Amino acid sequence: MEPDPLPARAGRSPRGGFALAEVLVAGFILAVGLLGLAALQVATVRHRAGSWSRQTAVALGLGALETGLAQLRLERLDRDAGGPGRQAGGWPREAAYDREGRPAGSASAGFTVTLTRTPGPGATVALRAVVTWMEGTPPAPRSLALVRLAAP
């Protein structure tokens, strides 16, 4: 019988292969890595949803500010034409939107936008749009305020 060219090391059988302890340690390391990847995926989805909500809130707030600016321009044109420069529609204004940003009833609203107007510094008017929505688990109220100064 010929001698074995590779002598057996401690913990290994003479035929080669891995010991049970090595396989268990490798499996444990793989399981911890997969759990870490799953936690990272959950955190990514959660942050993406929050980012989407903030992006929608900013778009709705900017839209409300543009509507307010248009109203101010109409009032100025009416005043310049000899009219009373009336404030059609009244202030403050409030609107409700669903999660996709479409107008909705207050019961199904995902976002609520309130537009107010106050005297600003000098001869300006401050338009303030406040957007509120629910976000997170458990749902918690979030809000975003946008302010724009304009000439009356």
Protein backbone atom coordinates (compact mmCIF):
# COMPACT_ATOMS: atom_id res chain seq x y z
CA MET A 1 0.00 0.00 0.00
CA GLU A 2 1.30 3.44 -0.94
CA PRO A 3 1.60 6.18 1.65
CA ASP A 4 -0.99 9.04 1.48
CA PRO A 5 0.61 12.03 -0.33
CA LEU A 6 -1.27 14.54 1.90
CA PRO A 7 -1.08 13.65 5.57
CA ALA A 8 -4.29 14.07 7.57
CA ARG A 9 -4.52 17.23 9.68
CA ALA A 10 -6.21 17.46 13.02
CA GLY A 11 -9.98 17.71 12.69
CA ARG A 12 -10.11 16.33 9.14
CA SER A 13 -10.71 12.86 8.02
CA PRO A 14 -7.99 11.24 5.95
CA ARG A 15 -10.32 11.39 2.93
CA GLY A 16 -10.62 15.24 3.03
CA GLY A 17 -13.74 17.41 3.32
CA PHE A 18 -14.96 19.76 6.02
CA ALA A 19 -15.68 19.18 9.66
CA LEU A 20 -19.24 19.69 10.91
CA ALA A 21 -18.14 22.70 13.01
CA GLU A 22 -16.77 24.48 9.92
CA VAL A 23 -20.03 23.93 8.03
CA LEU A 24 -22.09 25.23 10.97
CA VAL A 25 -19.95 28.37 11.33
CA ALA A 26 -20.17 29.08 7.60
CA GLY A 27 -23.96 28.59 7.67
CA PHE A 28 -24.27 30.96 10.65
CA ILE A 29 -22.22 33.66 8.91
CA LEU A 30 -24.34 33.29 5.77
CA ALA A 31 -27.58 33.54 7.81
CA VAL A 32 -26.40 36.72 9.56
CA GLY A 33 -25.47 38.25 6.21
CA LEU A 34 -28.87 37.41 4.68
CA LEU A 35 -30.68 38.87 7.70
CA GLY A 36 -28.64 42.06 7.31
CA LEU A 37 -29.61 42.30 3.65
CA ALA A 38 -33.29 41.83 4.52
CA ALA A 39 -33.11 44.59 7.14
CA LEU A 40 -31.43 46.88 4.62
CA GLN A 41 -34.22 46.19 2.10
CA VAL A 42 -36.91 47.05 4.69
CA ALA A 43 -35.14 50.30 5.61
CA THR A 44 -34.80 51.23 1.93
CA VAL A 45 -38.50 50.73 1.25
CA ARG A 46 -39.45 52.74 4.35
CA HIS A 47 -37.20 55.66 3.41
CA ARG A 48 -38.38 55.59 -0.20
CA ALA A 49 -42.00 55.88 0.92
CA GLY A 50 -41.11 58.84 3.15
CA SER A 51 -39.24 60.51 0.32
CA TRP A 52 -42.22 60.04 -1.99
CA SER A 53 -44.54 61.63 0.58
CA ARG A 54 -42.26 64.64 1.04
CA GLN A 55 -41.92 65.06 -2.73
CA THR A 56 -45.72 65.02 -3.14
CA ALA A 57 -46.10 67.48 -0.25
CA VAL A 58 -43.62 69.91 -1.84
CA ALA A 59 -45.39 69.68 -5.21
CA LEU A 60 -48.80 70.34 -3.60
CA GLY A 61 -47.40 73.24 -1.56
CA LEU A 62 -45.79 74.83 -4.60
CA GLY A 63 -49.05 74.44 -6.51
CA ALA A 64 -50.93 76.18 -3.71
CA LEU A 65 -48.41 79.04 -3.71
CA GLU A 66 -48.79 79.44 -7.47
CA THR A 67 -52.58 79.53 -7.06
CA GLY A 68 -52.19 82.21 -4.39
CA LEU A 69 -49.88 84.26 -6.62
CA ALA A 70 -52.37 84.00 -9.47
CA GLN A 71 -55.13 85.23 -7.13
CA LEU A 72 -52.97 88.19 -6.07
CA ARG A 73 -52.37 89.07 -9.74
CA LEU A 74 -56.10 88.92 -10.47
CA GLU A 75 -56.81 91.18 -7.50
CA ARG A 76 -54.14 93.64 -8.70
CA LEU A 77 -55.57 93.64 -12.25
CA ASP A 78 -59.06 94.25 -10.85
CA ARG A 79 -57.76 97.12 -8.70
CA ASP A 80 -55.79 98.62 -11.63
CA ALA A 81 -58.93 98.50 -13.79
CA GLY A 82 -60.82 100.59 -11.23
CA GLY A 83 -62.47 97.72 -9.39
CA PRO A 84 -62.39 97.13 -5.64
CA GLY A 85 -59.56 94.58 -5.89
CA ARG A 86 -61.76 92.08 -4.12
CA GLN A 87 -60.46 88.85 -2.73
CA ALA A 88 -62.46 86.21 -4.57
CA GLY A 89 -62.77 82.95 -2.70
CA GLY A 90 -61.57 84.32 0.64
CA TRP A 91 -58.53 83.50 2.72
CA PRO A 92 -57.33 81.17 4.20
CA ARG A 93 -57.95 78.40 1.72
CA GLU A 94 -57.85 74.70 2.43
CA ALA A 95 -57.84 71.76 0.05
CA ALA A 96 -57.61 67.98 0.49
CA TYR A 97 -55.75 65.58 -1.82
CA ASP A 98 -55.42 61.80 -1.98
CA ARG A 99 -52.10 59.93 -1.81
CA GLU A 100 -51.53 60.48 -5.55
CA GLY A 101 -52.07 64.24 -5.29
CA ARG A 102 -55.57 64.31 -6.83
CA PRO A 103 -58.31 66.42 -5.19
CA ALA A 104 -60.26 64.33 -2.69
CA GLY A 105 -62.90 64.60 0.00
CA SER A 106 -61.64 65.16 3.51
CA ALA A 107 -62.47 61.55 4.51
CA SER A 108 -60.09 60.05 1.93
CA ALA A 109 -57.47 62.78 2.06
CA GLY A 110 -53.85 61.81 2.35
CA PHE A 111 -52.66 65.43 2.25
CA THR A 112 -54.25 68.65 3.45
CA VAL A 113 -53.02 72.00 2.11
CA THR A 114 -53.80 75.30 3.86
CA LEU A 115 -52.91 78.54 2.09
CA THR A 116 -52.85 81.75 4.12
CA ARG A 117 -51.90 85.30 3.33
CA THR A 118 -50.50 87.83 5.78
CA PRO A 119 -48.86 91.23 5.43
CA GLY A 120 -45.18 90.82 4.74
CA PRO A 121 -42.27 93.20 5.25
CA GLY A 122 -42.69 96.54 3.51
CA ALA A 123 -45.36 96.52 0.84
CA THR A 124 -45.35 92.77 0.33
CA VAL A 125 -47.73 89.95 1.10
CA ALA A 126 -46.54 86.66 2.56
CA LEU A 127 -48.23 83.58 1.15
CA ARG A 128 -47.81 80.51 3.36
CA ALA A 129 -48.73 76.99 2.27
CA VAL A 130 -48.78 74.35 5.01
CA VAL A 131 -49.09 70.73 3.86
CA THR A 132 -49.94 68.04 6.43
CA TRP A 133 -50.06 64.26 6.01
CA MET A 134 -49.72 61.03 7.97
CA GLU A 135 -46.62 58.89 7.55
CA GLY A 136 -44.81 55.99 9.17
CA THR A 137 -45.69 53.00 11.28
CA PRO A 138 -47.55 53.81 13.45
CA PRO A 139 -48.83 56.76 11.44
CA ALA A 140 -47.60 60.08 12.76
CA PRO A 141 -48.54 63.55 11.49
CA ARG A 142 -45.98 65.30 9.32
CA SER A 143 -46.08 68.84 7.98
CA LEU A 144 -44.18 71.07 5.59
CA ALA A 145 -44.44 74.86 5.29
CA LEU A 146 -43.53 76.91 2.22
CA VAL A 147 -43.51 80.73 2.27
CA ARG A 148 -43.35 83.14 -0.65
CA LEU A 149 -43.27 86.94 -0.57
CA ALA A 150 -45.15 88.76 -3.33
CA ALA A 151 -46.17 92.29 -4.24
CA PRO A 152 -49.89 92.84 -3.66
